[in-house]
């Protein structure tokens, strides 16, 4: 059974780059970075939708900020991240797929 995350998109931005080390050195990568607020438990999930996902091109320009979405969690990793101010933090990254836009919640329309 797959894990499902439902929440509000707080932000979304495309990211891309080139792998600098290892066997895949020189290969390009891209993904959509989204923070999704799981309002049931009050957590914010750092989510990534891979550039090779069938939905990527349609979602890259979509205005999802403030929308309720439902996604399938396909993988999770944890690793150190360096912030702009130089601090290092541990971050869980959640890879998602099968994003369904459930629209702007009713109380947000008013």
N, C-alpha and C. Protein backbone atom coordinates (compact mmCIF):
# COMPACT_ATOMS: atom_id res chain seq x y z
N UNK A 1 0.84 -1.18 0.00
CA UNK A 1 0.00 0.00 0.00
C UNK A 1 0.88 1.24 0.00
N UNK A 2 0.55 2.20 -0.83
CA UNK A 2 1.34 3.42 -0.95
C UNK A 2 0.95 4.42 0.14
N UNK A 3 1.91 5.26 0.52
CA UNK A 3 1.63 6.33 1.46
C UNK A 3 1.07 7.52 0.69
N UNK A 4 0.04 8.14 1.24
CA UNK A 4 -0.60 9.29 0.61
C UNK A 4 -0.44 10.49 1.54
N UNK A 5 -0.10 11.63 0.97
CA UNK A 5 0.02 12.88 1.72
C UNK A 5 -0.98 13.86 1.12
N UNK A 6 -1.81 14.45 1.96
CA UNK A 6 -2.76 15.47 1.54
C UNK A 6 -2.48 16.72 2.35
N UNK A 7 -2.36 17.86 1.68
CA UNK A 7 -2.08 19.11 2.39
C UNK A 7 -2.11 20.30 1.46
N UNK A 8 -1.72 21.43 2.01
CA UNK A 8 -1.74 22.71 1.30
C UNK A 8 -0.32 23.04 0.82
N UNK A 9 -0.18 23.41 -0.46
CA UNK A 9 1.12 23.79 -1.01
C UNK A 9 1.48 25.19 -0.50
N UNK A 10 2.57 25.27 0.24
CA UNK A 10 3.04 26.56 0.77
C UNK A 10 3.95 27.27 -0.22
N UNK A 11 4.76 26.52 -0.94
CA UNK A 11 5.59 27.10 -2.00
C UNK A 11 5.99 26.01 -2.98
N UNK A 12 6.40 26.46 -4.16
CA UNK A 12 6.79 25.52 -5.23
C UNK A 12 7.79 26.24 -6.12
N UNK A 13 8.87 25.55 -6.45
CA UNK A 13 9.84 26.13 -7.38
C UNK A 13 10.61 25.03 -8.09
N UNK A 14 10.91 25.27 -9.37
CA UNK A 14 11.72 24.29 -10.09
C UNK A 14 13.20 24.45 -9.73
N UNK A 15 13.89 23.35 -9.59
CA UNK A 15 15.32 23.35 -9.32
C UNK A 15 16.00 22.46 -10.35
N UNK A 16 17.23 22.82 -10.73
CA UNK A 16 17.98 21.99 -11.67
C UNK A 16 19.47 22.18 -11.42
N UNK A 17 20.25 21.24 -11.93
CA UNK A 17 21.69 21.32 -11.76
C UNK A 17 22.37 20.17 -12.48
N UNK A 18 23.65 20.00 -12.16
CA UNK A 18 24.46 18.96 -12.75
C UNK A 18 25.13 18.18 -11.62
N UNK A 19 25.13 16.86 -11.73
CA UNK A 19 25.78 16.01 -10.73
C UNK A 19 27.28 16.25 -10.79
N UNK A 20 27.89 16.53 -9.64
CA UNK A 20 29.30 16.92 -9.59
C UNK A 20 30.26 15.77 -9.25
N UNK A 21 29.73 14.68 -8.66
CA UNK A 21 30.61 13.59 -8.23
C UNK A 21 29.99 12.24 -8.54
N UNK A 22 30.81 11.21 -8.54
CA UNK A 22 30.33 9.84 -8.66
C UNK A 22 30.16 9.37 -10.09
N UNK A 23 29.54 8.21 -10.21
CA UNK A 23 29.39 7.55 -11.50
C UNK A 23 28.54 8.35 -12.48
N UNK A 24 27.64 9.18 -11.98
CA UNK A 24 26.76 9.96 -12.86
C UNK A 24 27.24 11.41 -13.04
N UNK A 25 28.51 11.66 -12.72
CA UNK A 25 29.09 13.01 -12.84
C UNK A 25 28.81 13.58 -14.23
N UNK A 26 28.35 14.83 -14.26
CA UNK A 26 28.08 15.52 -15.52
C UNK A 26 26.64 15.40 -16.00
N UNK A 27 25.87 14.49 -15.42
CA UNK A 27 24.46 14.34 -15.81
C UNK A 27 23.64 15.47 -15.18
N UNK A 28 22.66 15.94 -15.95
CA UNK A 28 21.76 16.97 -15.44
C UNK A 28 20.62 16.37 -14.64
N UNK A 29 20.06 17.18 -13.74
CA UNK A 29 18.90 16.77 -12.97
C UNK A 29 17.96 17.95 -12.83
N UNK A 30 16.68 17.67 -12.58
CA UNK A 30 15.70 18.71 -12.30
C UNK A 30 14.55 18.10 -11.50
N UNK A 31 13.94 18.93 -10.68
CA UNK A 31 12.75 18.51 -9.94
C UNK A 31 12.00 19.75 -9.49
N UNK A 32 10.73 19.55 -9.15
CA UNK A 32 9.94 20.61 -8.52
C UNK A 32 10.05 20.42 -7.02
N UNK A 33 10.45 21.47 -6.34
CA UNK A 33 10.52 21.47 -4.89
C UNK A 33 9.23 22.09 -4.37
N UNK A 34 8.55 21.38 -3.49
CA UNK A 34 7.30 21.88 -2.91
C UNK A 34 7.29 21.64 -1.41
N UNK A 35 6.81 22.62 -0.68
CA UNK A 35 6.56 22.42 0.74
C UNK A 35 5.06 22.23 0.89
N UNK A 36 4.67 21.09 1.45
CA UNK A 36 3.26 20.78 1.62
C UNK A 36 2.95 20.67 3.10
N UNK A 37 1.98 21.48 3.56
CA UNK A 37 1.59 21.50 4.96
C UNK A 37 0.48 20.48 5.19
N UNK A 38 0.82 19.44 5.92
CA UNK A 38 -0.16 18.42 6.31
C UNK A 38 -0.91 18.99 7.50
N UNK A 39 -2.04 19.59 7.22
CA UNK A 39 -2.76 20.34 8.26
C UNK A 39 -3.34 19.44 9.36
N UNK A 40 -3.51 18.15 9.07
CA UNK A 40 -4.05 17.24 10.08
C UNK A 40 -3.08 17.09 11.26
N UNK A 41 -1.76 16.97 10.94
CA UNK A 41 -0.77 16.76 11.99
C UNK A 41 0.12 17.98 12.20
N UNK A 42 -0.05 19.04 11.40
CA UNK A 42 0.71 20.26 11.58
C UNK A 42 2.16 20.18 11.16
N UNK A 43 2.47 19.34 10.20
CA UNK A 43 3.85 19.19 9.73
C UNK A 43 3.99 19.76 8.32
N UNK A 44 5.17 20.27 8.01
CA UNK A 44 5.49 20.72 6.66
C UNK A 44 6.47 19.73 6.06
N UNK A 45 6.12 19.18 4.90
CA UNK A 45 6.91 18.17 4.21
C UNK A 45 7.67 18.83 3.07
N UNK A 46 8.97 18.59 2.98
CA UNK A 46 9.79 19.04 1.85
C UNK A 46 9.67 17.97 0.77
N UNK A 47 8.94 18.29 -0.28
CA UNK A 47 8.62 17.31 -1.31
C UNK A 47 9.33 17.64 -2.63
N UNK A 48 9.62 16.60 -3.38
CA UNK A 48 10.25 16.75 -4.69
C UNK A 48 9.52 15.88 -5.70
N UNK A 49 9.17 16.49 -6.84
CA UNK A 49 8.60 15.75 -7.96
C UNK A 49 9.66 15.74 -9.04
N UNK A 50 10.15 14.56 -9.38
CA UNK A 50 11.29 14.40 -10.30
C UNK A 50 11.00 14.95 -11.69
N UNK A 51 12.06 15.39 -12.34
CA UNK A 51 11.95 15.92 -13.69
C UNK A 51 11.53 14.89 -14.72
N UNK A 52 11.73 13.60 -14.45
CA UNK A 52 11.29 12.58 -15.40
C UNK A 52 9.89 12.05 -15.07
N UNK A 53 9.21 12.66 -14.09
CA UNK A 53 7.84 12.29 -13.78
C UNK A 53 6.93 12.73 -14.92
N UNK A 54 5.96 11.92 -15.34
CA UNK A 54 5.08 12.28 -16.45
C UNK A 54 4.32 13.60 -16.23
N UNK A 55 4.11 14.02 -14.99
CA UNK A 55 3.38 15.25 -14.71
C UNK A 55 4.27 16.49 -14.67
N UNK A 56 5.59 16.32 -14.69
CA UNK A 56 6.50 17.43 -14.44
C UNK A 56 6.20 18.65 -15.34
N UNK A 57 6.17 18.45 -16.64
CA UNK A 57 5.99 19.59 -17.56
C UNK A 57 4.68 20.33 -17.31
N UNK A 58 3.60 19.61 -17.02
CA UNK A 58 2.32 20.26 -16.75
C UNK A 58 2.33 21.01 -15.42
N UNK A 59 3.03 20.49 -14.44
CA UNK A 59 3.02 21.10 -13.10
C UNK A 59 4.06 22.20 -12.93
N UNK A 60 5.09 22.22 -13.77
CA UNK A 60 6.16 23.21 -13.60
C UNK A 60 5.62 24.64 -13.58
N UNK A 61 4.70 24.95 -14.48
CA UNK A 61 4.16 26.31 -14.54
C UNK A 61 2.83 26.49 -13.83
N UNK A 62 2.31 25.43 -13.23
CA UNK A 62 1.00 25.49 -12.58
C UNK A 62 1.06 26.31 -11.29
N UNK A 63 0.01 27.09 -11.05
CA UNK A 63 -0.09 27.88 -9.82
C UNK A 63 -0.75 27.02 -8.75
N UNK A 64 0.06 26.38 -7.93
CA UNK A 64 -0.46 25.49 -6.89
C UNK A 64 -0.40 26.08 -5.49
N UNK A 65 0.20 27.25 -5.34
CA UNK A 65 0.34 27.86 -4.02
C UNK A 65 -1.05 28.08 -3.41
N UNK A 66 -1.23 27.58 -2.19
CA UNK A 66 -2.52 27.71 -1.51
C UNK A 66 -3.52 26.64 -1.87
N UNK A 67 -3.19 25.78 -2.83
CA UNK A 67 -4.09 24.71 -3.22
C UNK A 67 -3.90 23.49 -2.33
N UNK A 68 -5.00 22.79 -2.11
CA UNK A 68 -4.94 21.50 -1.43
C UNK A 68 -4.57 20.47 -2.49
N UNK A 69 -3.58 19.63 -2.19
CA UNK A 69 -3.14 18.59 -3.12
C UNK A 69 -3.09 17.26 -2.41
N UNK A 70 -3.15 16.22 -3.22
CA UNK A 70 -2.99 14.85 -2.73
C UNK A 70 -1.89 14.23 -3.56
N UNK A 71 -0.85 13.69 -2.92
CA UNK A 71 0.28 13.10 -3.63
C UNK A 71 0.56 11.71 -3.08
N UNK A 72 1.19 10.90 -3.93
CA UNK A 72 1.66 9.59 -3.51
C UNK A 72 3.14 9.72 -3.15
N UNK A 73 3.52 9.27 -1.97
CA UNK A 73 4.91 9.28 -1.53
C UNK A 73 5.59 8.05 -2.13
N UNK A 74 6.64 8.30 -2.95
CA UNK A 74 7.32 7.17 -3.60
C UNK A 74 8.65 6.83 -2.94
N UNK A 75 9.25 7.77 -2.20
CA UNK A 75 10.53 7.51 -1.52
C UNK A 75 10.82 8.63 -0.53
N UNK A 76 11.68 8.35 0.43
CA UNK A 76 12.16 9.37 1.36
C UNK A 76 13.65 9.16 1.60
N UNK A 77 14.35 10.29 1.75
CA UNK A 77 15.76 10.25 2.12
C UNK A 77 15.99 11.32 3.19
N UNK A 78 17.06 11.15 3.94
CA UNK A 78 17.44 12.15 4.93
C UNK A 78 18.91 12.49 4.70
N UNK A 79 19.22 13.77 4.84
CA UNK A 79 20.60 14.18 4.65
C UNK A 79 20.84 15.58 5.17
N UNK A 80 22.10 15.92 5.26
CA UNK A 80 22.49 17.24 5.74
C UNK A 80 22.28 18.26 4.63
N UNK A 81 21.82 19.43 5.02
CA UNK A 81 21.61 20.54 4.08
C UNK A 81 22.28 21.78 4.66
N UNK A 82 22.98 22.51 3.81
CA UNK A 82 23.61 23.75 4.25
C UNK A 82 22.71 24.92 3.87
N UNK A 83 22.33 25.71 4.86
CA UNK A 83 21.48 26.88 4.62
C UNK A 83 22.31 28.03 4.08
N UNK A 84 21.64 29.05 3.55
CA UNK A 84 22.33 30.21 2.97
C UNK A 84 23.25 30.90 3.98
N UNK A 85 22.87 30.84 5.27
CA UNK A 85 23.69 31.50 6.29
C UNK A 85 24.84 30.61 6.78
N UNK A 86 25.00 29.43 6.16
CA UNK A 86 26.11 28.54 6.51
C UNK A 86 25.77 27.47 7.52
N UNK A 87 24.64 27.61 8.20
CA UNK A 87 24.24 26.57 9.17
C UNK A 87 23.91 25.27 8.45
N UNK A 88 24.16 24.17 9.13
CA UNK A 88 23.84 22.85 8.57
C UNK A 88 22.71 22.25 9.38
N UNK A 89 21.74 21.69 8.67
CA UNK A 89 20.60 21.05 9.32
C UNK A 89 20.37 19.69 8.67
N UNK A 90 19.69 18.81 9.38
CA UNK A 90 19.25 17.54 8.79
C UNK A 90 17.87 17.79 8.18
N UNK A 91 17.66 17.25 6.98
CA UNK A 91 16.38 17.44 6.31
C UNK A 91 15.91 16.11 5.71
N UNK A 92 14.62 15.85 5.87
CA UNK A 92 14.00 14.70 5.22
C UNK A 92 13.41 15.20 3.91
N UNK A 93 13.77 14.53 2.83
CA UNK A 93 13.23 14.86 1.51
C UNK A 93 12.27 13.75 1.11
N UNK A 94 11.10 14.16 0.65
CA UNK A 94 10.05 13.23 0.31
C UNK A 94 9.80 13.30 -1.19
N UNK A 95 10.10 12.21 -1.89
CA UNK A 95 9.85 12.17 -3.34
C UNK A 95 8.39 11.80 -3.54
N UNK A 96 7.70 12.59 -4.40
CA UNK A 96 6.27 12.37 -4.61
C UNK A 96 5.97 12.19 -6.10
N UNK A 97 4.81 11.62 -6.36
CA UNK A 97 4.31 11.43 -7.72
C UNK A 97 2.79 11.46 -7.66
N UNK A 98 2.15 11.40 -8.81
CA UNK A 98 0.69 11.31 -8.89
C UNK A 98 0.01 12.45 -8.14
N UNK A 99 0.42 13.70 -8.41
CA UNK A 99 -0.16 14.86 -7.74
C UNK A 99 -1.56 15.12 -8.28
N UNK A 100 -2.51 15.26 -7.36
CA UNK A 100 -3.88 15.63 -7.71
C UNK A 100 -4.17 16.98 -7.08
N UNK A 101 -4.52 17.97 -7.90
CA UNK A 101 -4.86 19.32 -7.43
C UNK A 101 -6.32 19.30 -6.99
N UNK A 102 -6.56 19.49 -5.69
CA UNK A 102 -7.91 19.49 -5.14
C UNK A 102 -8.49 20.90 -5.04
N UNK A 103 -7.76 21.89 -5.56
CA UNK A 103 -8.25 23.27 -5.59
C UNK A 103 -8.01 24.02 -4.30
N UNK A 104 -8.48 25.26 -4.29
CA UNK A 104 -8.33 26.12 -3.12
C UNK A 104 -9.41 25.75 -2.11
N UNK A 105 -9.02 25.48 -0.86
CA UNK A 105 -10.02 25.14 0.14
C UNK A 105 -11.09 26.24 0.26
N UNK A 106 -12.33 25.86 0.55
CA UNK A 106 -13.47 26.78 0.58
C UNK A 106 -13.23 27.99 1.46
N UNK A 107 -12.62 27.81 2.64
CA UNK A 107 -12.41 28.94 3.55
C UNK A 107 -11.37 29.90 3.02
N UNK A 108 -10.55 29.51 2.03
CA UNK A 108 -9.56 30.40 1.43
C UNK A 108 -10.17 31.31 0.38
N UNK A 109 -11.35 30.95 -0.15
CA UNK A 109 -11.99 31.74 -1.20
C UNK A 109 -12.60 33.03 -0.66
N UNK A 110 -12.98 33.01 0.59
CA UNK A 110 -13.73 34.13 1.16
C UNK A 110 -12.85 35.29 1.53
